[in-house]
Amino acid sequence: MLHVPGHRPEQINLLVRDRSRGEEPWCILTADFLLVGDVARPDLAQQGAEGAATLFRESLPRLLSLPDFVEVYPGHVAGST
């Protein structure tokens, strides 16, 4: 589990590990945190400026700190579905 506030304060992403492959996660399920080519709106559950600051200051660096080989599975295509 990776806590990624910004879209929603309680937002988490699920890190998937296959212990037969090793201890590192091999993919992440990002739900509504990431879209294809975009990030989620930060203004739905809190003030937009607060959500955006949290998203860019805390959540994106957490995501970017994962190893490069981790596959990313966003929850939506660009925009809303």
PDB file of N, CA and C in Angstrom:
ATOM      1  N   MET A   1       0.842  -1.169   0.000  1.00  0.00           N
ATOM      2  CA  MET A   1       0.000   0.000   0.000  1.00  0.00           C
ATOM      3  C   MET A   1       0.894   1.242   0.000  1.00  0.00           C
ATOM      4  N   LEU A   2       0.496   2.233  -0.788  1.00  0.00           N
ATOM      5  CA  LEU A   2       1.223   3.496  -0.867  1.00  0.00           C
ATOM      6  C   LEU A   2       0.211   4.618  -0.661  1.00  0.00           C
ATOM      7  N   HIS A   3       0.374   5.393   0.404  1.00  0.00           N
ATOM      8  CA  HIS A   3      -0.529   6.501   0.694  1.00  0.00           C
ATOM      9  C   HIS A   3      -0.188   7.648  -0.249  1.00  0.00           C
ATOM     10  N   VAL A   4      -1.172   8.082  -1.041  1.00  0.00           N
ATOM     11  CA  VAL A   4      -0.967   9.146  -2.032  1.00  0.00           C
ATOM     12  C   VAL A   4      -2.092  10.179  -1.954  1.00  0.00           C
ATOM     13  N   PRO A   5      -2.122  10.985  -0.895  1.00  0.00           N
ATOM     14  CA  PRO A   5      -3.168  11.998  -0.774  1.00  0.00           C
ATOM     15  C   PRO A   5      -3.013  13.062  -1.860  1.00  0.00           C
ATOM     16  N   GLY A   6      -4.080  13.763  -2.101  1.00  0.00           N
ATOM     17  CA  GLY A   6      -4.084  14.835  -3.099  1.00  0.00           C
ATOM     18  C   GLY A   6      -5.408  14.840  -3.839  1.00  0.00           C
ATOM     19  N   HIS A   7      -5.747  13.729  -4.477  1.00  0.00           N
ATOM     20  CA  HIS A   7      -7.076  13.608  -5.097  1.00  0.00           C
ATOM     21  C   HIS A   7      -8.099  13.508  -3.973  1.00  0.00           C
ATOM     22  N   ARG A   8      -7.813  12.656  -3.018  1.00  0.00           N
ATOM     23  CA  ARG A   8      -8.583  12.526  -1.776  1.00  0.00           C
ATOM     24  C   ARG A   8      -7.565  12.349  -0.651  1.00  0.00           C
ATOM     25  N   PRO A   9      -7.832  12.877   0.525  1.00  0.00           N
ATOM     26  CA  PRO A   9      -6.866  12.754   1.622  1.00  0.00           C
ATOM     27  C   PRO A   9      -6.547  11.309   2.006  1.00  0.00           C
ATOM     28  N   GLU A  10      -7.507  10.404   1.851  1.00  0.00           N
ATOM     29  CA  GLU A  10      -7.299   9.019   2.263  1.00  0.00           C
ATOM     30  C   GLU A  10      -6.837   8.110   1.120  1.00  0.00           C
ATOM     31  N   GLN A  11      -6.544   8.670  -0.045  1.00  0.00           N
ATOM     32  CA  GLN A  11      -6.209   7.885  -1.239  1.00  0.00           C
ATOM     33  C   GLN A  11      -5.013   6.970  -1.001  1.00  0.00           C
ATOM     34  N   ILE A  12      -5.160   5.720  -1.407  1.00  0.00           N
ATOM     35  CA  ILE A  12      -4.047   4.775  -1.407  1.00  0.00           C
ATOM     36  C   ILE A  12      -3.929   4.160  -2.800  1.00  0.00           C
ATOM     37  N   ASN A  13      -2.747   3.698  -3.113  1.00  0.00           N
ATOM     38  CA  ASN A  13      -2.495   2.882  -4.302  1.00  0.00           C
ATOM     39  C   ASN A  13      -2.010   1.539  -3.807  1.00  0.00           C
ATOM     40  N   LEU A  14      -2.301   0.507  -4.568  1.00  0.00           N
ATOM     41  CA  LEU A  14      -1.923  -0.839  -4.158  1.00  0.00           C
ATOM     42  C   LEU A  14      -0.673  -1.286  -4.902  1.00  0.00           C
ATOM     43  N   LEU A  15       0.342  -1.623  -4.128  1.00  0.00           N
ATOM     44  CA  LEU A  15       1.572  -2.181  -4.683  1.00  0.00           C
ATOM     45  C   LEU A  15       1.407  -3.698  -4.728  1.00  0.00           C
ATOM     46  N   VAL A  16       1.655  -4.286  -5.886  1.00  0.00           N
ATOM     47  CA  VAL A  16       1.500  -5.729  -6.051  1.00  0.00           C
ATOM     48  C   VAL A  16       2.878  -6.368  -6.050  1.00  0.00           C
ATOM     49  N   ARG A  17       3.038  -7.334  -5.164  1.00  0.00           N
ATOM     50  CA  ARG A  17       4.301  -8.075  -5.077  1.00  0.00           C
ATOM     51  C   ARG A  17       4.043  -9.537  -5.412  1.00  0.00           C
ATOM     52  N   ASP A  18       4.987 -10.136  -6.084  1.00  0.00           N
ATOM     53  CA  ASP A  18       4.977 -11.568  -6.361  1.00  0.00           C
ATOM     54  C   ASP A  18       6.260 -12.104  -5.744  1.00  0.00           C
ATOM     55  N   ARG A  19       6.146 -12.689  -4.579  1.00  0.00           N
ATOM     56  CA  ARG A  19       7.341 -13.113  -3.832  1.00  0.00           C
ATOM     57  C   ARG A  19       8.204 -14.096  -4.616  1.00  0.00           C
ATOM     58  N   SER A  20       7.618 -14.809  -5.603  1.00  0.00           N
ATOM     59  CA  SER A  20       8.442 -15.702  -6.419  1.00  0.00           C
ATOM     60  C   SER A  20       9.349 -14.910  -7.359  1.00  0.00           C
ATOM     61  N   ARG A  21       9.015 -13.638  -7.614  1.00  0.00           N
ATOM     62  CA  ARG A  21       9.839 -12.757  -8.447  1.00  0.00           C
ATOM     63  C   ARG A  21      10.854 -11.980  -7.620  1.00  0.00           C
ATOM     64  N   GLY A  22      10.583 -11.806  -6.340  1.00  0.00           N
ATOM     65  CA  GLY A  22      11.448 -11.026  -5.477  1.00  0.00           C
ATOM     66  C   GLY A  22      10.624 -10.191  -4.522  1.00  0.00           C
ATOM     67  N   GLU A  23      11.276  -9.390  -3.724  1.00  0.00           N
ATOM     68  CA  GLU A  23      10.604  -8.592  -2.703  1.00  0.00           C
ATOM     69  C   GLU A  23      10.075  -7.252  -3.216  1.00  0.00           C
ATOM     70  N   GLU A  24      10.632  -6.748  -4.298  1.00  0.00           N
ATOM     71  CA  GLU A  24      10.197  -5.461  -4.839  1.00  0.00           C
ATOM     72  C   GLU A  24       8.818  -5.599  -5.474  1.00  0.00           C
ATOM     73  N   PRO A  25       8.004  -4.558  -5.418  1.00  0.00           N
ATOM     74  CA  PRO A  25       6.715  -4.615  -6.118  1.00  0.00           C
ATOM     75  C   PRO A  25       6.964  -4.678  -7.623  1.00  0.00           C
ATOM     76  N   TRP A  26       6.078  -5.348  -8.344  1.00  0.00           N
ATOM     77  CA  TRP A  26       6.223  -5.396  -9.805  1.00  0.00           C
ATOM     78  C   TRP A  26       5.189  -4.532 -10.505  1.00  0.00           C
ATOM     79  N   CYS A  27       4.115  -4.133  -9.794  1.00  0.00           N
ATOM     80  CA  CYS A  27       3.181  -3.181 -10.395  1.00  0.00           C
ATOM     81  C   CYS A  27       2.478  -2.404  -9.293  1.00  0.00           C
ATOM     82  N   ILE A  28       1.845  -1.317  -9.717  1.00  0.00           N
ATOM     83  CA  ILE A  28       1.063  -0.492  -8.806  1.00  0.00           C
ATOM     84  C   ILE A  28      -0.281  -0.198  -9.471  1.00  0.00           C
ATOM     85  N   LEU A  29      -1.347  -0.352  -8.702  1.00  0.00           N
ATOM     86  CA  LEU A  29      -2.700  -0.036  -9.146  1.00  0.00           C
ATOM     87  C   LEU A  29      -3.028   1.343  -8.587  1.00  0.00           C
ATOM     88  N   THR A  30      -3.161   2.332  -9.451  1.00  0.00           N
ATOM     89  CA  THR A  30      -3.239   3.717  -8.984  1.00  0.00           C
ATOM     90  C   THR A  30      -4.649   4.262  -8.799  1.00  0.00           C
ATOM     91  N   ALA A  31      -5.666   3.470  -9.124  1.00  0.00           N
ATOM     92  CA  ALA A  31      -7.049   3.917  -8.951  1.00  0.00           C
ATOM     93  C   ALA A  31      -7.234   5.288  -9.594  1.00  0.00           C
ATOM     94  N   ASP A  32      -7.833   6.231  -8.879  1.00  0.00           N
ATOM     95  CA  ASP A  32      -8.108   7.555  -9.442  1.00  0.00           C
ATOM     96  C   ASP A  32      -6.969   8.545  -9.247  1.00  0.00           C
ATOM     97  N   PHE A  33      -5.858   8.111  -8.692  1.00  0.00           N
ATOM     98  CA  PHE A  33      -4.724   9.007  -8.458  1.00  0.00           C
ATOM     99  C   PHE A  33      -4.053   9.406  -9.773  1.00  0.00           C
ATOM    100  N   LEU A  34      -3.866   8.447 -10.669  1.00  0.00           N
ATOM    101  CA  LEU A  34      -3.271   8.724 -11.974  1.00  0.00           C
ATOM    102  C   LEU A  34      -4.258   8.393 -13.073  1.00  0.00           C
ATOM    103  N   LEU A  35      -4.229   9.210 -14.113  1.00  0.00           N
ATOM    104  CA  LEU A  35      -4.978   8.950 -15.323  1.00  0.00           C
ATOM    105  C   LEU A  35      -3.943   8.730 -16.422  1.00  0.00           C
ATOM    106  N   VAL A  36      -4.348   8.231 -17.559  1.00  0.00           N
ATOM    107  CA  VAL A  36      -3.419   8.105 -18.669  1.00  0.00           C
ATOM    108  C   VAL A  36      -3.066   9.513 -19.133  1.00  0.00           C
ATOM    109  N   GLY A  37      -1.818   9.912 -18.927  1.00  0.00           N
ATOM    110  CA  GLY A  37      -1.356  11.228 -19.340  1.00  0.00           C
ATOM    111  C   GLY A  37      -1.720  12.376 -18.421  1.00  0.00           C
ATOM    112  N   ASP A  38      -2.189  12.088 -17.212  1.00  0.00           N
ATOM    113  CA  ASP A  38      -2.618  13.169 -16.323  1.00  0.00           C
ATOM    114  C   ASP A  38      -2.638  12.683 -14.882  1.00  0.00           C
ATOM    115  N   VAL A  39      -2.863  13.593 -13.963  1.00  0.00           N
ATOM    116  CA  VAL A  39      -3.087  13.247 -12.556  1.00  0.00           C
ATOM    117  C   VAL A  39      -4.518  13.628 -12.196  1.00  0.00           C
ATOM    118  N   ALA A  40      -4.978  13.125 -11.102  1.00  0.00           N
ATOM    119  CA  ALA A  40      -6.361  13.336 -10.677  1.00  0.00           C
ATOM    120  C   ALA A  40      -6.603  14.777 -10.233  1.00  0.00           C
ATOM    121  N   ARG A  41      -7.869  15.153 -10.257  1.00  0.00           N
ATOM    122  CA  ARG A  41      -8.257  16.480  -9.758  1.00  0.00           C
ATOM    123  C   ARG A  41      -8.029  16.552  -8.252  1.00  0.00           C
ATOM    124  N   PRO A  42      -7.405  17.630  -7.785  1.00  0.00           N
ATOM    125  CA  PRO A  42      -7.139  17.767  -6.355  1.00  0.00           C
ATOM    126  C   PRO A  42      -8.224  18.519  -5.594  1.00  0.00           C
ATOM    127  N   ASP A  43      -9.321  18.883  -6.245  1.00  0.00           N
ATOM    128  CA  ASP A  43     -10.291  19.792  -5.644  1.00  0.00           C
ATOM    129  C   ASP A  43     -11.630  19.146  -5.298  1.00  0.00           C
ATOM    130  N   LEU A  44     -11.723  17.841  -5.288  1.00  0.00           N
ATOM    131  CA  LEU A  44     -13.015  17.198  -5.056  1.00  0.00           C
ATOM    132  C   LEU A  44     -13.324  16.982  -3.576  1.00  0.00           C
ATOM    133  N   ALA A  45     -12.325  16.734  -2.760  1.00  0.00           N
ATOM    134  CA  ALA A  45     -12.564  16.437  -1.351  1.00  0.00           C
ATOM    135  C   ALA A  45     -11.906  17.444  -0.412  1.00  0.00           C
ATOM    136  N   GLN A  46     -11.242  18.434  -0.972  1.00  0.00           N
ATOM    137  CA  GLN A  46     -10.606  19.479  -0.182  1.00  0.00           C
ATOM    138  C   GLN A  46     -10.423  20.693  -1.073  1.00  0.00           C
ATOM    139  N   GLN A  47      -9.904  21.763  -0.524  1.00  0.00           N
ATOM    140  CA  GLN A  47      -9.613  22.940  -1.333  1.00  0.00           C
ATOM    141  C   GLN A  47      -8.595  22.568  -2.407  1.00  0.00           C
ATOM    142  N   GLY A  48      -8.785  23.059  -3.623  1.00  0.00           N
ATOM    143  CA  GLY A  48      -7.914  22.691  -4.736  1.00  0.00           C
ATOM    144  C   GLY A  48      -6.447  22.991  -4.494  1.00  0.00           C
ATOM    145  N   ALA A  49      -6.141  24.155  -3.944  1.00  0.00           N
ATOM    146  CA  ALA A  49      -4.740  24.518  -3.701  1.00  0.00           C
ATOM    147  C   ALA A  49      -4.100  23.584  -2.688  1.00  0.00           C
ATOM    148  N   GLU A  50      -4.844  23.232  -1.659  1.00  0.00           N
ATOM    149  CA  GLU A  50      -4.331  22.303  -0.635  1.00  0.00           C
ATOM    150  C   GLU A  50      -4.098  20.922  -1.239  1.00  0.00           C
ATOM    151  N   GLY A  51      -5.080  20.418  -1.986  1.00  0.00           N
ATOM    152  CA  GLY A  51      -4.946  19.109  -2.609  1.00  0.00           C
ATOM    153  C   GLY A  51      -3.802  19.060  -3.604  1.00  0.00           C
ATOM    154  N   ALA A  52      -3.663  20.121  -4.421  1.00  0.00           N
ATOM    155  CA  ALA A  52      -2.585  20.163  -5.412  1.00  0.00           C
ATOM    156  C   ALA A  52      -1.223  20.204  -4.741  1.00  0.00           C
ATOM    157  N   ALA A  53      -1.085  21.005  -3.685  1.00  0.00           N
ATOM    158  CA  ALA A  53       0.189  21.075  -2.970  1.00  0.00           C
ATOM    159  C   ALA A  53       0.560  19.713  -2.397  1.00  0.00           C
ATOM    160  N   THR A  54      -0.399  19.027  -1.811  1.00  0.00           N
ATOM    161  CA  THR A  54      -0.145  17.705  -1.253  1.00  0.00           C
ATOM    162  C   THR A  54       0.222  16.718  -2.346  1.00  0.00           C
ATOM    163  N   LEU A  55      -0.510  16.759  -3.444  1.00  0.00           N
ATOM    164  CA  LEU A  55      -0.248  15.848  -4.549  1.00  0.00           C
ATOM    165  C   LEU A  55       1.169  16.019  -5.082  1.00  0.00           C
ATOM    166  N   PHE A  56       1.583  17.270  -5.321  1.00  0.00           N
ATOM    167  CA  PHE A  56       2.904  17.516  -5.903  1.00  0.00           C
ATOM    168  C   PHE A  56       4.039  17.441  -4.887  1.00  0.00           C
ATOM    169  N   ARG A  57       3.778  17.772  -3.642  1.00  0.00           N
ATOM    170  CA  ARG A  57       4.831  17.760  -2.617  1.00  0.00           C
ATOM    171  C   ARG A  57       5.059  16.371  -2.039  1.00  0.00           C
ATOM    172  N   GLU A  58       3.977  15.585  -1.857  1.00  0.00           N
ATOM    173  CA  GLU A  58       4.088  14.302  -1.177  1.00  0.00           C
ATOM    174  C   GLU A  58       3.869  13.094  -2.090  1.00  0.00           C
ATOM    175  N   SER A  59       2.758  13.101  -2.806  1.00  0.00           N
ATOM    176  CA  SER A  59       2.328  11.890  -3.492  1.00  0.00           C
ATOM    177  C   SER A  59       3.125  11.567  -4.750  1.00  0.00           C
ATOM    178  N   LEU A  60       3.326  12.543  -5.609  1.00  0.00           N
ATOM    179  CA  LEU A  60       4.109  12.257  -6.815  1.00  0.00           C
ATOM    180  C   LEU A  60       5.540  11.846  -6.496  1.00  0.00           C
ATOM    181  N   PRO A  61       6.225  12.483  -5.531  1.00  0.00           N
ATOM    182  CA  PRO A  61       7.558  11.987  -5.178  1.00  0.00           C
ATOM    183  C   PRO A  61       7.548  10.537  -4.659  1.00  0.00           C
ATOM    184  N   ARG A  62       6.512  10.149  -3.931  1.00  0.00           N
ATOM    185  CA  ARG A  62       6.417   8.755  -3.482  1.00  0.00           C
ATOM    186  C   ARG A  62       6.313   7.815  -4.668  1.00  0.00           C
ATOM    187  N   LEU A  63       5.475   8.183  -5.625  1.00  0.00           N
ATOM    188  CA  LEU A  63       5.319   7.360  -6.821  1.00  0.00           C
ATOM    189  C   LEU A  63       6.630   7.300  -7.605  1.00  0.00           C
ATOM    190  N   LEU A  64       7.283   8.437  -7.769  1.00  0.00           N
ATOM    191  CA  LEU A  64       8.521   8.489  -8.547  1.00  0.00           C
ATOM    192  C   LEU A  64       9.688   7.798  -7.855  1.00  0.00           C
ATOM    193  N   SER A  65       9.572   7.538  -6.559  1.00  0.00           N
ATOM    194  CA  SER A  65      10.653   6.849  -5.843  1.00  0.00           C
ATOM    195  C   SER A  65      10.624   5.331  -6.052  1.00  0.00           C
ATOM    196  N   LEU A  66       9.576   4.822  -6.678  1.00  0.00           N
ATOM    197  CA  LEU A  66       9.510   3.388  -6.955  1.00  0.00           C
ATOM    198  C   LEU A  66      10.537   3.024  -8.017  1.00  0.00           C
ATOM    199  N   PRO A  67      11.016   1.783  -8.018  1.00  0.00           N
ATOM    200  CA  PRO A  67      11.968   1.374  -9.056  1.00  0.00           C
ATOM    201  C   PRO A  67      11.371   1.544 -10.458  1.00  0.00           C
ATOM    202  N   ASP A  68      12.223   1.806 -11.436  1.00  0.00           N
ATOM    203  CA  ASP A  68      11.779   2.052 -12.808  1.00  0.00           C
ATOM    204  C   ASP A  68      11.032   0.880 -13.437  1.00  0.00           C
ATOM    205  N   PHE A  69      11.287  -0.326 -12.964  1.00  0.00           N
ATOM    206  CA  PHE A  69      10.651  -1.495 -13.578  1.00  0.00           C
ATOM    207  C   PHE A  69       9.222  -1.736 -13.102  1.00  0.00           C
ATOM    208  N   VAL A  70       8.758  -0.973 -12.121  1.00  0.00           N
ATOM    209  CA  VAL A  70       7.400  -1.160 -11.610  1.00  0.00           C
ATOM    210  C   VAL A  70       6.397  -0.707 -12.676  1.00  0.00           C
ATOM    211  N   GLU A  71       5.504  -1.602 -13.077  1.00  0.00           N
ATOM    212  CA  GLU A  71       4.475  -1.286 -14.061  1.00  0.00           C
ATOM    213  C   GLU A  71       3.366  -0.491 -13.385  1.00  0.00           C
ATOM    214  N   VAL A  72       2.854   0.519 -14.077  1.00  0.00           N
ATOM    215  CA  VAL A  72       1.842   1.409 -13.526  1.00  0.00           C
ATOM    216  C   VAL A  72       0.519   1.164 -14.258  1.00  0.00           C
ATOM    217  N   TYR A  73      -0.521   0.890 -13.480  1.00  0.00           N
ATOM    218  CA  TYR A  73      -1.849   0.669 -14.027  1.00  0.00           C
ATOM    219  C   TYR A  73      -2.799   1.740 -13.507  1.00  0.00           C
ATOM    220  N   PRO A  74      -3.034   2.801 -14.334  1.00  0.00           N
ATOM    221  CA  PRO A  74      -3.935   3.866 -13.912  1.00  0.00           C
ATOM    222  C   PRO A  74      -5.389   3.414 -13.915  1.00  0.00           C
ATOM    223  N   GLY A  75      -6.213   4.153 -13.184  1.00  0.00           N
ATOM    224  CA  GLY A  75      -7.615   3.801 -13.053  1.00  0.00           C
ATOM    225  C   GLY A  75      -8.497   4.321 -14.163  1.00  0.00           C
ATOM    226  N   HIS A  76      -8.040   5.315 -14.922  1.00  0.00           N
ATOM    227  CA  HIS A  76      -8.850   5.921 -15.971  1.00  0.00           C
ATOM    228  C   HIS A  76      -7.964   6.270 -17.153  1.00  0.00           C
ATOM    229  N   VAL A  77      -8.595   6.473 -18.299  1.00  0.00           N
ATOM    230  CA  VAL A  77      -7.926   7.140 -19.408  1.00  0.00           C
ATOM    231  C   VAL A  77      -7.972   8.627 -19.102  1.00  0.00           C
ATOM    232  N   ALA A  78      -7.416   9.451 -19.947  1.00  0.00           N
ATOM    233  CA  ALA A  78      -7.391  10.889 -19.694  1.00  0.00           C
ATOM    234  C   ALA A  78      -8.801  11.426 -19.502  1.00  0.00           C
ATOM    235  N   GLY A  79      -8.944  12.328 -18.550  1.00  0.00           N
ATOM    236  CA  GLY A  79     -10.265  12.867 -18.234  1.00  0.00           C
ATOM    237  C   GLY A  79     -11.065  11.864 -17.410  1.00  0.00           C
ATOM    238  N   SER A  80     -12.345  12.055 -17.333  1.00  0.00           N
ATOM    239  CA  SER A  80     -13.198  11.157 -16.556  1.00  0.00           C
ATOM    240  C   SER A  80     -13.878  10.148 -17.465  1.00  0.00           C
ATOM    241  N   THR A  81     -14.152   9.002 -16.898  1.00  0.00           N
ATOM    242  CA  THR A  81     -14.884   7.972 -17.646  1.00  0.00           C
ATOM    243  C   THR A  81     -16.161   7.644 -16.930  1.00  0.00           C
TER     244      THR A  81
END
